[in-house]
Amino acid sequence: MILKILLLSSVVLLTGCAGIFGPSVKQIETVKVEVSKPALNLPNPEPLKLRETKWVVVTKENADKIFEELEAKGQPVALFALTADGYEALSINIADIKTFIGTQKEIIIQYREYYEGEEDDKKQK
């Protein structure tokens, strides 16, 4: 008798009560649905319209003349100066900025081709 009880209780424990007393388990069906990527609709940025910059080289010989010209034009007599090393650093920084902007532009082009290129391929087929 004890053997029958142990056998019955072990069967109930092993099945987890689901097979004997509970409803049967339904299998979940998974379906893959292709979703098209949304178009980016990014307009191209307007080209830069840079303002004219006038550079004046001030030396010991022409400093007085430049100050007089500034006063005659009614402009304040103040100069912003760079050393030769500072000018070189400024030039390198501008070149680095141009390179960075070019890289960003290429990344945007690649994104546009990735998102909108497939639609063009489907239209051609």
PDB file of N, CA and C in Angstrom:
ATOM      1  N   MET A   1       0.812  -1.182   0.000  1.00  0.00           N
ATOM      2  CA  MET A   1       0.000   0.000   0.000  1.00  0.00           C
ATOM      3  C   MET A   1       0.869   1.264   0.000  1.00  0.00           C
ATOM      4  N   ILE A   2       1.868   1.256   0.853  1.00  0.00           N
ATOM      5  CA  ILE A   2       2.770   2.402   0.930  1.00  0.00           C
ATOM      6  C   ILE A   2       3.499   2.563  -0.395  1.00  0.00           C
ATOM      7  N   LEU A   3       3.820   1.472  -1.004  1.00  0.00           N
ATOM      8  CA  LEU A   3       4.512   1.522  -2.291  1.00  0.00           C
ATOM      9  C   LEU A   3       3.625   2.163  -3.361  1.00  0.00           C
ATOM     10  N   LYS A   4       2.337   1.864  -3.338  1.00  0.00           N
ATOM     11  CA  LYS A   4       1.424   2.451  -4.299  1.00  0.00           C
ATOM     12  C   LYS A   4       1.287   3.958  -4.070  1.00  0.00           C
ATOM     13  N   ILE A   5       1.237   4.383  -2.827  1.00  0.00           N
ATOM     14  CA  ILE A   5       1.114   5.805  -2.496  1.00  0.00           C
ATOM     15  C   ILE A   5       2.374   6.558  -2.926  1.00  0.00           C
ATOM     16  N   LEU A   6       3.522   5.976  -2.647  1.00  0.00           N
ATOM     17  CA  LEU A   6       4.773   6.602  -3.067  1.00  0.00           C
ATOM     18  C   LEU A   6       4.861   6.685  -4.589  1.00  0.00           C
ATOM     19  N   LEU A   7       4.449   5.647  -5.262  1.00  0.00           N
ATOM     20  CA  LEU A   7       4.483   5.643  -6.719  1.00  0.00           C
ATOM     21  C   LEU A   7       3.523   6.681  -7.293  1.00  0.00           C
ATOM     22  N   LEU A   8       2.331   6.765  -6.763  1.00  0.00           N
ATOM     23  CA  LEU A   8       1.347   7.741  -7.234  1.00  0.00           C
ATOM     24  C   LEU A   8       1.794   9.172  -6.934  1.00  0.00           C
ATOM     25  N   SER A   9       2.331   9.430  -5.764  1.00  0.00           N
ATOM     26  CA  SER A   9       2.790  10.785  -5.413  1.00  0.00           C
ATOM     27  C   SER A   9       4.000  11.186  -6.243  1.00  0.00           C
ATOM     28  N   SER A  10       4.886  10.257  -6.555  1.00  0.00           N
ATOM     29  CA  SER A  10       6.043  10.601  -7.396  1.00  0.00           C
ATOM     30  C   SER A  10       5.604  10.921  -8.824  1.00  0.00           C
ATOM     31  N   VAL A  11       4.587  10.215  -9.329  1.00  0.00           N
ATOM     32  CA  VAL A  11       4.079  10.503 -10.666  1.00  0.00           C
ATOM     33  C   VAL A  11       3.450  11.900 -10.685  1.00  0.00           C
ATOM     34  N   VAL A  12       2.711  12.234  -9.653  1.00  0.00           N
ATOM     35  CA  VAL A  12       2.072  13.553  -9.568  1.00  0.00           C
ATOM     36  C   VAL A  12       3.145  14.639  -9.467  1.00  0.00           C
ATOM     37  N   LEU A  13       4.159  14.412  -8.689  1.00  0.00           N
ATOM     38  CA  LEU A  13       5.239  15.395  -8.550  1.00  0.00           C
ATOM     39  C   LEU A  13       6.015  15.571  -9.854  1.00  0.00           C
ATOM     40  N   LEU A  14       6.281  14.502 -10.562  1.00  0.00           N
ATOM     41  CA  LEU A  14       7.048  14.571 -11.794  1.00  0.00           C
ATOM     42  C   LEU A  14       6.263  15.263 -12.914  1.00  0.00           C
ATOM     43  N   THR A  15       4.984  15.079 -12.970  1.00  0.00           N
ATOM     44  CA  THR A  15       4.181  15.702 -14.018  1.00  0.00           C
ATOM     45  C   THR A  15       3.797  17.123 -13.662  1.00  0.00           C
ATOM     46  N   GLY A  16       3.960  17.499 -12.442  1.00  0.00           N
ATOM     47  CA  GLY A  16       3.674  18.867 -12.023  1.00  0.00           C
ATOM     48  C   GLY A  16       2.193  19.183 -11.999  1.00  0.00           C
ATOM     49  N   CYS A  17       1.371  18.212 -11.853  1.00  0.00           N
ATOM     50  CA  CYS A  17      -0.075  18.352 -11.767  1.00  0.00           C
ATOM     51  C   CYS A  17      -0.702  18.900 -13.050  1.00  0.00           C
ATOM     52  N   ALA A  18       0.085  19.296 -14.012  1.00  0.00           N
ATOM     53  CA  ALA A  18      -0.473  19.896 -15.218  1.00  0.00           C
ATOM     54  C   ALA A  18      -1.024  18.840 -16.163  1.00  0.00           C
ATOM     55  N   GLY A  19      -0.361  17.733 -16.263  1.00  0.00           N
ATOM     56  CA  GLY A  19      -0.797  16.707 -17.201  1.00  0.00           C
ATOM     57  C   GLY A  19      -2.049  15.979 -16.749  1.00  0.00           C
ATOM     58  N   ILE A  20      -2.250  15.890 -15.470  1.00  0.00           N
ATOM     59  CA  ILE A  20      -3.376  15.103 -14.959  1.00  0.00           C
ATOM     60  C   ILE A  20      -4.600  15.983 -14.703  1.00  0.00           C
ATOM     61  N   PHE A  21      -4.378  17.127 -13.987  1.00  0.00           N
ATOM     62  CA  PHE A  21      -5.515  17.905 -13.536  1.00  0.00           C
ATOM     63  C   PHE A  21      -5.747  19.186 -14.335  1.00  0.00           C
ATOM     64  N   GLY A  22      -4.703  19.739 -14.948  1.00  0.00           N
ATOM     65  CA  GLY A  22      -4.822  21.046 -15.600  1.00  0.00           C
ATOM     66  C   GLY A  22      -5.143  20.946 -17.073  1.00  0.00           C
ATOM     67  N   PRO A  23      -5.445  22.096 -17.682  1.00  0.00           N
ATOM     68  CA  PRO A  23      -5.722  22.098 -19.120  1.00  0.00           C
ATOM     69  C   PRO A  23      -4.422  21.849 -19.898  1.00  0.00           C
ATOM     70  N   SER A  24      -4.597  21.399 -21.121  1.00  0.00           N
ATOM     71  CA  SER A  24      -3.403  21.133 -21.925  1.00  0.00           C
ATOM     72  C   SER A  24      -2.772  22.467 -22.353  1.00  0.00           C
ATOM     73  N   VAL A  25      -1.479  22.452 -22.540  1.00  0.00           N
ATOM     74  CA  VAL A  25      -0.736  23.655 -22.903  1.00  0.00           C
ATOM     75  C   VAL A  25      -0.812  23.851 -24.411  1.00  0.00           C
ATOM     76  N   LYS A  26      -1.178  25.079 -24.820  1.00  0.00           N
ATOM     77  CA  LYS A  26      -1.243  25.380 -26.245  1.00  0.00           C
ATOM     78  C   LYS A  26       0.122  25.858 -26.715  1.00  0.00           C
ATOM     79  N   GLN A  27       0.490  25.435 -27.877  1.00  0.00           N
ATOM     80  CA  GLN A  27       1.780  25.846 -28.426  1.00  0.00           C
ATOM     81  C   GLN A  27       1.642  27.247 -29.019  1.00  0.00           C
ATOM     82  N   ILE A  28       2.646  28.076 -28.749  1.00  0.00           N
ATOM     83  CA  ILE A  28       2.663  29.450 -29.258  1.00  0.00           C
ATOM     84  C   ILE A  28       3.241  29.433 -30.665  1.00  0.00           C
ATOM     85  N   GLU A  29       2.544  30.091 -31.564  1.00  0.00           N
ATOM     86  CA  GLU A  29       3.002  30.143 -32.946  1.00  0.00           C
ATOM     87  C   GLU A  29       3.642  31.508 -33.187  1.00  0.00           C
ATOM     88  N   THR A  30       4.865  31.529 -33.698  1.00  0.00           N
ATOM     89  CA  THR A  30       5.548  32.785 -33.997  1.00  0.00           C
ATOM     90  C   THR A  30       5.593  32.974 -35.507  1.00  0.00           C
ATOM     91  N   VAL A  31       5.361  34.210 -35.899  1.00  0.00           N
ATOM     92  CA  VAL A  31       5.337  34.532 -37.318  1.00  0.00           C
ATOM     93  C   VAL A  31       6.242  35.741 -37.537  1.00  0.00           C
ATOM     94  N   LYS A  32       7.093  35.669 -38.551  1.00  0.00           N
ATOM     95  CA  LYS A  32       7.940  36.801 -38.898  1.00  0.00           C
ATOM     96  C   LYS A  32       7.209  37.664 -39.906  1.00  0.00           C
ATOM     97  N   VAL A  33       7.154  38.967 -39.597  1.00  0.00           N
ATOM     98  CA  VAL A  33       6.508  39.914 -40.498  1.00  0.00           C
ATOM     99  C   VAL A  33       7.540  40.944 -40.898  1.00  0.00           C
ATOM    100  N   GLU A  34       7.726  41.128 -42.206  1.00  0.00           N
ATOM    101  CA  GLU A  34       8.700  42.104 -42.687  1.00  0.00           C
ATOM    102  C   GLU A  34       8.092  43.499 -42.586  1.00  0.00           C
ATOM    103  N   VAL A  35       8.806  44.367 -41.925  1.00  0.00           N
ATOM    104  CA  VAL A  35       8.366  45.757 -41.781  1.00  0.00           C
ATOM    105  C   VAL A  35       9.338  46.623 -42.557  1.00  0.00           C
ATOM    106  N   SER A  36       8.811  47.437 -43.451  1.00  0.00           N
ATOM    107  CA  SER A  36       9.697  48.296 -44.244  1.00  0.00           C
ATOM    108  C   SER A  36      10.203  49.454 -43.392  1.00  0.00           C
ATOM    109  N   LYS A  37      11.397  49.874 -43.704  1.00  0.00           N
ATOM    110  CA  LYS A  37      12.011  50.978 -42.966  1.00  0.00           C
ATOM    111  C   LYS A  37      11.352  52.284 -43.385  1.00  0.00           C
ATOM    112  N   PRO A  38      11.115  53.175 -42.433  1.00  0.00           N
ATOM    113  CA  PRO A  38      10.528  54.465 -42.817  1.00  0.00           C
ATOM    114  C   PRO A  38      11.544  55.318 -43.571  1.00  0.00           C
ATOM    115  N   ALA A  39      11.048  56.117 -44.495  1.00  0.00           N
ATOM    116  CA  ALA A  39      11.935  57.017 -45.240  1.00  0.00           C
ATOM    117  C   ALA A  39      12.454  58.091 -44.299  1.00  0.00           C
ATOM    118  N   LEU A  40      13.682  58.493 -44.497  1.00  0.00           N
ATOM    119  CA  LEU A  40      14.287  59.490 -43.619  1.00  0.00           C
ATOM    120  C   LEU A  40      13.723  60.885 -43.857  1.00  0.00           C
ATOM    121  N   ASN A  41      13.449  61.230 -45.093  1.00  0.00           N
ATOM    122  CA  ASN A  41      12.927  62.557 -45.439  1.00  0.00           C
ATOM    123  C   ASN A  41      13.785  63.678 -44.863  1.00  0.00           C
ATOM    124  N   LEU A  42      15.073  63.542 -44.989  1.00  0.00           N
ATOM    125  CA  LEU A  42      15.985  64.577 -44.503  1.00  0.00           C
ATOM    126  C   LEU A  42      16.354  65.500 -45.657  1.00  0.00           C
ATOM    127  N   PRO A  43      16.054  66.777 -45.529  1.00  0.00           N
ATOM    128  CA  PRO A  43      16.469  67.684 -46.599  1.00  0.00           C
ATOM    129  C   PRO A  43      17.974  67.931 -46.519  1.00  0.00           C
ATOM    130  N   ASN A  44      18.569  68.195 -47.667  1.00  0.00           N
ATOM    131  CA  ASN A  44      19.984  68.547 -47.669  1.00  0.00           C
ATOM    132  C   ASN A  44      20.138  69.931 -47.038  1.00  0.00           C
ATOM    133  N   PRO A  45      21.167  70.105 -46.218  1.00  0.00           N
ATOM    134  CA  PRO A  45      21.357  71.422 -45.602  1.00  0.00           C
ATOM    135  C   PRO A  45      21.746  72.469 -46.642  1.00  0.00           C
ATOM    136  N   GLU A  46      21.396  73.689 -46.350  1.00  0.00           N
ATOM    137  CA  GLU A  46      21.766  74.791 -47.232  1.00  0.00           C
ATOM    138  C   GLU A  46      23.279  74.950 -47.215  1.00  0.00           C
ATOM    139  N   PRO A  47      23.879  75.315 -48.344  1.00  0.00           N
ATOM    140  CA  PRO A  47      25.329  75.537 -48.346  1.00  0.00           C
ATOM    141  C   PRO A  47      25.682  76.738 -47.463  1.00  0.00           C
ATOM    142  N   LEU A  48      26.866  76.681 -46.921  1.00  0.00           N
ATOM    143  CA  LEU A  48      27.318  77.776 -46.058  1.00  0.00           C
ATOM    144  C   LEU A  48      27.507  79.060 -46.851  1.00  0.00           C
ATOM    145  N   LYS A  49      27.083  80.132 -46.260  1.00  0.00           N
ATOM    146  CA  LYS A  49      27.328  81.451 -46.848  1.00  0.00           C
ATOM    147  C   LYS A  49      28.241  82.185 -45.862  1.00  0.00           C
ATOM    148  N   LEU A  50      29.508  82.094 -46.129  1.00  0.00           N
ATOM    149  CA  LEU A  50      30.488  82.674 -45.210  1.00  0.00           C
ATOM    150  C   LEU A  50      30.617  84.172 -45.445  1.00  0.00           C
ATOM    151  N   ARG A  51      30.886  84.874 -44.368  1.00  0.00           N
ATOM    152  CA  ARG A  51      31.065  86.318 -44.444  1.00  0.00           C
ATOM    153  C   ARG A  51      32.523  86.647 -44.788  1.00  0.00           C
ATOM    154  N   GLU A  52      32.710  87.739 -45.437  1.00  0.00           N
ATOM    155  CA  GLU A  52      34.057  88.146 -45.820  1.00  0.00           C
ATOM    156  C   GLU A  52      34.858  88.519 -44.569  1.00  0.00           C
ATOM    157  N   THR A  53      36.059  88.032 -44.526  1.00  0.00           N
ATOM    158  CA  THR A  53      36.964  88.338 -43.423  1.00  0.00           C
ATOM    159  C   THR A  53      38.179  89.043 -43.992  1.00  0.00           C
ATOM    160  N   LYS A  54      38.492  90.183 -43.429  1.00  0.00           N
ATOM    161  CA  LYS A  54      39.656  90.944 -43.900  1.00  0.00           C
ATOM    162  C   LYS A  54      40.781  90.778 -42.883  1.00  0.00           C
ATOM    163  N   TRP A  55      41.898  90.313 -43.370  1.00  0.00           N
ATOM    164  CA  TRP A  55      43.067  90.136 -42.528  1.00  0.00           C
ATOM    165  C   TRP A  55      44.020  91.308 -42.762  1.00  0.00           C
ATOM    166  N   VAL A  56      44.550  91.855 -41.678  1.00  0.00           N
ATOM    167  CA  VAL A  56      45.525  92.944 -41.746  1.00  0.00           C
ATOM    168  C   VAL A  56      46.750  92.496 -40.958  1.00  0.00           C
ATOM    169  N   VAL A  57      47.883  92.579 -41.597  1.00  0.00           N
ATOM    170  CA  VAL A  57      49.133  92.226 -40.922  1.00  0.00           C
ATOM    171  C   VAL A  57      49.727  93.503 -40.345  1.00  0.00           C
ATOM    172  N   VAL A  58      49.879  93.529 -39.038  1.00  0.00           N
ATOM    173  CA  VAL A  58      50.411  94.711 -38.348  1.00  0.00           C
ATOM    174  C   VAL A  58      51.862  94.439 -37.980  1.00  0.00           C
ATOM    175  N   THR A  59      52.710  95.339 -38.399  1.00  0.00           N
ATOM    176  CA  THR A  59      54.132  95.266 -38.058  1.00  0.00           C
ATOM    177  C   THR A  59      54.509  96.553 -37.334  1.00  0.00           C
ATOM    178  N   LYS A  60      55.746  96.643 -36.871  1.00  0.00           N
ATOM    179  CA  LYS A  60      56.205  97.872 -36.227  1.00  0.00           C
ATOM    180  C   LYS A  60      56.129  99.051 -37.190  1.00  0.00           C
ATOM    181  N   GLU A  61      56.415  98.775 -38.446  1.00  0.00           N
ATOM    182  CA  GLU A  61      56.481  99.851 -39.438  1.00  0.00           C
ATOM    183  C   GLU A  61      55.100 100.401 -39.801  1.00  0.00           C
ATOM    184  N   ASN A  62      54.054  99.555 -39.843  1.00  0.00           N
ATOM    185  CA  ASN A  62      52.758 100.045 -40.305  1.00  0.00           C
ATOM    186  C   ASN A  62      51.706 100.169 -39.191  1.00  0.00           C
ATOM    187  N   ALA A  63      52.083  99.969 -37.953  1.00  0.00           N
ATOM    188  CA  ALA A  63      51.121 100.008 -36.844  1.00  0.00           C
ATOM    189  C   ALA A  63      50.448 101.374 -36.746  1.00  0.00           C
ATOM    190  N   ASP A  64      51.223 102.472 -36.794  1.00  0.00           N
ATOM    191  CA  ASP A  64      50.633 103.809 -36.676  1.00  0.00           C
ATOM    192  C   ASP A  64      49.657 104.083 -37.818  1.00  0.00           C
ATOM    193  N   LYS A  65      50.031 103.688 -39.021  1.00  0.00           N
ATOM    194  CA  LYS A  65      49.171 103.909 -40.179  1.00  0.00           C
ATOM    195  C   LYS A  65      47.843 103.155 -40.031  1.00  0.00           C
ATOM    196  N   ILE A  66      47.880 101.928 -39.558  1.00  0.00           N
ATOM    197  CA  ILE A  66      46.657 101.137 -39.394  1.00  0.00           C
ATOM    198  C   ILE A  66      45.778 101.740 -38.308  1.00  0.00           C
ATOM    199  N   PHE A  67      46.373 102.178 -37.208  1.00  0.00           N
ATOM    200  CA  PHE A  67      45.586 102.832 -36.155  1.00  0.00           C
ATOM    201  C   PHE A  67      44.903 104.094 -36.687  1.00  0.00           C
ATOM    202  N   GLU A  68      45.601 104.883 -37.500  1.00  0.00           N
ATOM    203  CA  GLU A  68      45.014 106.099 -38.072  1.00  0.00           C
ATOM    204  C   GLU A  68      43.852 105.751 -39.005  1.00  0.00           C
ATOM    205  N   GLU A  69      44.011 104.701 -39.813  1.00  0.00           N
ATOM    206  CA  GLU A  69      42.939 104.288 -40.723  1.00  0.00           C
ATOM    207  C   GLU A  69      41.706 103.841 -39.944  1.00  0.00           C
ATOM    208  N   LEU A  70      41.923 103.121 -38.862  1.00  0.00           N
ATOM    209  CA  LEU A  70      40.792 102.678 -38.044  1.00  0.00           C
ATOM    210  C   LEU A  70      40.063 103.869 -37.429  1.00  0.00           C
ATOM    211  N   GLU A  71      40.817 104.832 -36.909  1.00  0.00           N
ATOM    212  CA  GLU A  71      40.200 106.026 -36.317  1.00  0.00           C
ATOM    213  C   GLU A  71      39.447 106.827 -37.376  1.00  0.00           C
ATOM    214  N   ALA A  72      40.003 106.921 -38.603  1.00  0.00           N
ATOM    215  CA  ALA A  72      39.361 107.677 -39.675  1.00  0.00           C
ATOM    216  C   ALA A  72      38.037 107.030 -40.090  1.00  0.00           C
ATOM    217  N   LYS A  73      37.947 105.711 -40.016  1.00  0.00           N
ATOM    218  CA  LYS A  73      36.715 104.999 -40.363  1.00  0.00           C
ATOM    219  C   LYS A  73      35.720 104.975 -39.199  1.00  0.00           C
ATOM    220  N   GLY A  74      36.106 105.502 -38.059  1.00  0.00           N
ATOM    221  CA  GLY A  74      35.216 105.519 -36.898  1.00  0.00           C
ATOM    222  C   GLY A  74      35.147 104.183 -36.176  1.00  0.00           C
ATOM    223  N   GLN A  75      36.084 103.336 -36.435  1.00  0.00           N
ATOM    224  CA  GLN A  75      36.104 102.041 -35.769  1.00  0.00           C
ATOM    225  C   GLN A  75      36.976 102.117 -34.525  1.00  0.00           C
ATOM    226  N   PRO A  76      36.661 101.312 -33.530  1.00  0.00           N
ATOM    227  CA  PRO A  76      37.510 101.329 -32.330  1.00  0.00           C
ATOM    228  C   PRO A  76      38.908 100.811 -32.654  1.00  0.00           C
ATOM    229  N   VAL A  77      39.872 101.386 -31.992  1.00  0.00           N
ATOM    230  CA  VAL A  77      41.255 100.992 -32.225  1.00  0.00           C
ATOM    231  C   VAL A  77      41.570  99.821 -31.300  1.00  0.00           C
ATOM    232  N   ALA A  78      41.304  98.643 -31.812  1.00  0.00           N
ATOM    233  CA  ALA A  78      41.584  97.404 -31.082  1.00  0.00           C
ATOM    234  C   ALA A  78      41.909  96.338 -32.122  1.00  0.00           C
ATOM    235  N   LEU A  79      42.892  95.584 -31.856  1.00  0.00           N
ATOM    236  CA  LEU A  79      43.305  94.540 -32.785  1.00  0.00           C
ATOM    237  C   LEU A  79      43.296  93.190 -32.068  1.00  0.00           C
ATOM    238  N   PHE A  80      42.944  92.183 -32.811  1.00  0.00           N
ATOM    239  CA  PHE A  80      43.035  90.819 -32.313  1.00  0.00           C
ATOM    240  C   PHE A  80      44.200  90.185 -33.035  1.00  0.00           C
ATOM    241  N   ALA A  81      45.137  89.672 -32.304  1.00  0.00           N
ATOM    242  CA  ALA A  81      46.371  89.208 -32.931  1.00  0.00           C
ATOM    243  C   ALA A  81      46.621  87.731 -32.639  1.00  0.00           C
ATOM    244  N   LEU A  82      47.340  87.120 -33.562  1.00  0.00           N
ATOM    245  CA  LEU A  82      47.803  85.749 -33.409  1.00  0.00           C
ATOM    246  C   LEU A  82      49.305  85.723 -33.648  1.00  0.00           C
ATOM    247  N   THR A  83      49.962  84.884 -32.923  1.00  0.00           N
ATOM    248  CA  THR A  83      51.375  84.665 -33.230  1.00  0.00           C
ATOM    249  C   THR A  83      51.430  83.750 -34.451  1.00  0.00           C
ATOM    250  N   ALA A  84      52.608  83.549 -34.992  1.00  0.00           N
ATOM    251  CA  ALA A  84      52.754  82.650 -36.135  1.00  0.00           C
ATOM    252  C   ALA A  84      52.344  81.233 -35.749  1.00  0.00           C
ATOM    253  N   ASP A  85      52.689  80.800 -34.545  1.00  0.00           N
ATOM    254  CA  ASP A  85      52.285  79.472 -34.072  1.00  0.00           C
ATOM    255  C   ASP A  85      50.769  79.398 -33.867  1.00  0.00           C
ATOM    256  N   GLY A  86      50.189  80.482 -33.354  1.00  0.00           N
ATOM    257  CA  GLY A  86      48.741  80.521 -33.166  1.00  0.00           C
ATOM    258  C   GLY A  86      47.995  80.464 -34.486  1.00  0.00           C
ATOM    259  N   TYR A  87      48.518  81.161 -35.496  1.00  0.00           N
ATOM    260  CA  TYR A  87      47.899  81.132 -36.823  1.00  0.00           C
ATOM    261  C   TYR A  87      47.987  79.733 -37.426  1.00  0.00           C
ATOM    262  N   GLU A  88      49.116  79.072 -37.220  1.00  0.00           N
ATOM    263  CA  GLU A  88      49.276  77.704 -37.716  1.00  0.00           C
ATOM    264  C   GLU A  88      48.276  76.766 -37.031  1.00  0.00           C
ATOM    265  N   ALA A  89      48.121  76.919 -35.712  1.00  0.00           N
ATOM    266  CA  ALA A  89      47.157  76.091 -34.974  1.00  0.00           C
ATOM    267  C   ALA A  89      45.731  76.351 -35.464  1.00  0.00           C
ATOM    268  N   LEU A  90      45.407  77.627 -35.735  1.00  0.00           N
ATOM    269  CA  LEU A  90      44.085  77.967 -36.251  1.00  0.00           C
ATOM    270  C   LEU A  90      43.859  77.304 -37.614  1.00  0.00           C
ATOM    271  N   SER A  91      44.844  77.330 -38.481  1.00  0.00           N
ATOM    272  CA  SER A  91      44.733  76.711 -39.798  1.00  0.00           C
ATOM    273  C   SER A  91      44.525  75.204 -39.691  1.00  0.00           C
ATOM    274  N   ILE A  92      45.264  74.570 -38.803  1.00  0.00           N
ATOM    275  CA  ILE A  92      45.130  73.123 -38.610  1.00  0.00           C
ATOM    276  C   ILE A  92      43.748  72.795 -38.046  1.00  0.00           C
ATOM    277  N   ASN A  93      43.269  73.622 -37.103  1.00  0.00           N
ATOM    278  CA  ASN A  93      41.938  73.393 -36.534  1.00  0.00           C
ATOM    279  C   ASN A  93      40.857  73.500 -37.606  1.00  0.00           C
ATOM    280  N   ILE A  94      40.956  74.466 -38.490  1.00  0.00           N
ATOM    281  CA  ILE A  94      39.968  74.626 -39.562  1.00  0.00           C
ATOM    282  C   ILE A  94      40.029  73.430 -40.506  1.00  0.00           C
ATOM    283  N   ALA A  95      41.234  72.952 -40.803  1.00  0.00           N
ATOM    284  CA  ALA A  95      41.365  71.754 -41.655  1.00  0.00           C
ATOM    285  C   ALA A  95      40.740  70.540 -40.963  1.00  0.00           C
ATOM    286  N   ASP A  96      40.934  70.411 -39.647  1.00  0.00           N
ATOM    287  CA  ASP A  96      40.321  69.306 -38.903  1.00  0.00           C
ATOM    288  C   ASP A  96      38.796  69.412 -38.922  1.00  0.00           C
ATOM    289  N   ILE A  97      38.268  70.620 -38.810  1.00  0.00           N
ATOM    290  CA  ILE A  97      36.819  70.822 -38.862  1.00  0.00           C
ATOM    291  C   ILE A  97      36.279  70.421 -40.230  1.00  0.00           C
ATOM    292  N   LYS A  98      36.979  70.804 -41.301  1.00  0.00           N
ATOM    293  CA  LYS A  98      36.556  70.421 -42.653  1.00  0.00           C
ATOM    294  C   LYS A  98      36.546  68.906 -42.802  1.00  0.00           C
ATOM    295  N   THR A  99      37.554  68.241 -42.286  1.00  0.00           N
ATOM    296  CA  THR A  99      37.619  66.782 -42.360  1.00  0.00           C
ATOM    297  C   THR A  99      36.467  66.156 -41.590  1.00  0.00           C
ATOM    298  N   PHE A 100      36.194  66.672 -40.402  1.00  0.00           N
ATOM    299  CA  PHE A 100      35.108  66.156 -39.574  1.00  0.00           C
ATOM    300  C   PHE A 100      33.758  66.327 -40.271  1.00  0.00           C
ATOM    301  N   ILE A 101      33.532  67.495 -40.861  1.00  0.00           N
ATOM    302  CA  ILE A 101      32.277  67.747 -41.568  1.00  0.00           C
ATOM    303  C   ILE A 101      32.149  66.813 -42.771  1.00  0.00           C
ATOM    304  N   GLY A 102      33.250  66.592 -43.486  1.00  0.00           N
ATOM    305  CA  GLY A 102      33.224  65.659 -44.608  1.00  0.00           C
ATOM    306  C   GLY A 102      32.880  64.243 -44.165  1.00  0.00           C
ATOM    307  N   THR A 103      33.415  63.825 -43.027  1.00  0.00           N
ATOM    308  CA  THR A 103      33.120  62.499 -42.491  1.00  0.00           C
ATOM    309  C   THR A 103      31.643  62.394 -42.119  1.00  0.00           C
ATOM    310  N   GLN A 104      31.114  63.418 -41.462  1.00  0.00           N
ATOM    311  CA  GLN A 104      29.704  63.412 -41.088  1.00  0.00           C
ATOM    312  C   GLN A 104      28.806  63.385 -42.319  1.00  0.00           C
ATOM    313  N   LYS A 105      29.193  64.111 -43.341  1.00  0.00           N
ATOM    314  CA  LYS A 105      28.421  64.120 -44.586  1.00  0.00           C
ATOM    315  C   LYS A 105      28.390  62.723 -45.203  1.00  0.00           C
ATOM    316  N   GLU A 106      29.517  62.034 -45.193  1.00  0.00           N
ATOM    317  CA  GLU A 106      29.583  60.679 -45.739  1.00  0.00           C
ATOM    318  C   GLU A 106      28.712  59.717 -44.932  1.00  0.00           C
ATOM    319  N   ILE A 107      28.689  59.882 -43.615  1.00  0.00           N
ATOM    320  CA  ILE A 107      27.844  59.037 -42.765  1.00  0.00           C
ATOM    321  C   ILE A 107      26.373  59.252 -43.113  1.00  0.00           C
ATOM    322  N   ILE A 108      25.976  60.494 -43.322  1.00  0.00           N
ATOM    323  CA  ILE A 108      24.586  60.802 -43.682  1.00  0.00           C
ATOM    324  C   ILE A 108      24.246  60.183 -45.029  1.00  0.00           C
ATOM    325  N   ILE A 109      25.161  60.255 -45.981  1.00  0.00           N
ATOM    326  CA  ILE A 109      24.930  59.652 -47.298  1.00  0.00           C
ATOM    327  C   ILE A 109      24.753  58.142 -47.156  1.00  0.00           C
ATOM    328  N   GLN A 110      25.574  57.500 -46.325  1.00  0.00           N
ATOM    329  CA  GLN A 110      25.467  56.060 -46.121  1.00  0.00           C
ATOM    330  C   GLN A 110      24.128  55.690 -45.476  1.00  0.00           C
ATOM    331  N   TYR A 111      23.675  56.480 -44.494  1.00  0.00           N
ATOM    332  CA  TYR A 111      22.368  56.235 -43.887  1.00  0.00           C
ATOM    333  C   TYR A 111      21.256  56.373 -44.926  1.00  0.00           C
ATOM    334  N   ARG A 112      21.333  57.398 -45.736  1.00  0.00           N
ATOM    335  CA  ARG A 112      20.307  57.616 -46.755  1.00  0.00           C
ATOM    336  C   ARG A 112      20.278  56.439 -47.739  1.00  0.00           C
ATOM    337  N   GLU A 113      21.447  55.965 -48.168  1.00  0.00           N
ATOM    338  CA  GLU A 113      21.499  54.821 -49.071  1.00  0.00           C
ATOM    339  C   GLU A 113      20.964  53.563 -48.398  1.00  0.00           C
ATOM    340  N   TYR A 114      21.243  53.407 -47.116  1.00  0.00           N
ATOM    341  CA  TYR A 114      20.770  52.227 -46.389  1.00  0.00           C
ATOM    342  C   TYR A 114      19.251  52.224 -46.293  1.00  0.00           C
ATOM    343  N   TYR A 115      18.677  53.352 -45.934  1.00  0.00           N
ATOM    344  CA  TYR A 115      17.238  53.417 -45.741  1.00  0.00           C
ATOM    345  C   TYR A 115      16.469  53.550 -47.050  1.00  0.00           C
ATOM    346  N   GLU A 116      16.951  54.312 -47.970  1.00  0.00           N
ATOM    347  CA  GLU A 116      16.203  54.586 -49.183  1.00  0.00           C
ATOM    348  C   GLU A 116      16.717  53.786 -50.375  1.00  0.00           C
ATOM    349  N   GLY A 117      17.881  53.196 -50.262  1.00  0.00           N
ATOM    350  CA  GLY A 117      18.451  52.439 -51.365  1.00  0.00           C
ATOM    351  C   GLY A 117      17.671  51.179 -51.672  1.00  0.00           C
ATOM    352  N   GLU A 118      17.145  50.500 -50.639  1.00  0.00           N
ATOM    353  CA  GLU A 118      16.385  49.278 -50.854  1.00  0.00           C
ATOM    354  C   GLU A 118      15.104  49.560 -51.614  1.00  0.00           C
ATOM    355  N   GLU A 119      14.451  50.675 -51.350  1.00  0.00           N
ATOM    356  CA  GLU A 119      13.233  51.033 -52.066  1.00  0.00           C
ATOM    357  C   GLU A 119      13.541  51.257 -53.535  1.00  0.00           C
ATOM    358  N   ASP A 120      14.673  51.886 -53.832  1.00  0.00           N
ATOM    359  CA  ASP A 120      15.073  52.090 -55.222  1.00  0.00           C
ATOM    360  C   ASP A 120      15.347  50.762 -55.905  1.00  0.00           C
ATOM    361  N   ASP A 121      15.979  49.807 -55.170  1.00  0.00           N
ATOM    362  CA  ASP A 121      16.266  48.484 -55.731  1.00  0.00           C
ATOM    363  C   ASP A 121      14.966  47.747 -56.046  1.00  0.00           C
ATOM    364  N   LYS A 122      13.970  47.849 -55.167  1.00  0.00           N
ATOM    365  CA  LYS A 122      12.694  47.166 -55.398  1.00  0.00           C
ATOM    366  C   LYS A 122      11.968  47.768 -56.598  1.00  0.00           C
ATOM    367  N   LYS A 123      12.047  49.066 -56.765  1.00  0.00           N
ATOM    368  CA  LYS A 123      11.380  49.726 -57.884  1.00  0.00           C
ATOM    369  C   LYS A 123      12.029  49.318 -59.210  1.00  0.00           C
ATOM    370  N   GLN A 124      13.354  49.112 -59.200  1.00  0.00           N
ATOM    371  CA  GLN A 124      14.053  48.754 -60.430  1.00  0.00           C
ATOM    372  C   GLN A 124      13.764  47.320 -60.846  1.00  0.00           C
ATOM    373  N   LYS A 125      13.462  46.452 -59.895  1.00  0.00           N
ATOM    374  CA  LYS A 125      13.202  45.020 -60.195  1.00  0.00           C
ATOM    375  C   LYS A 125      11.829  44.868 -60.681  1.00  0.00           C
TER     376      LYS A 125
END
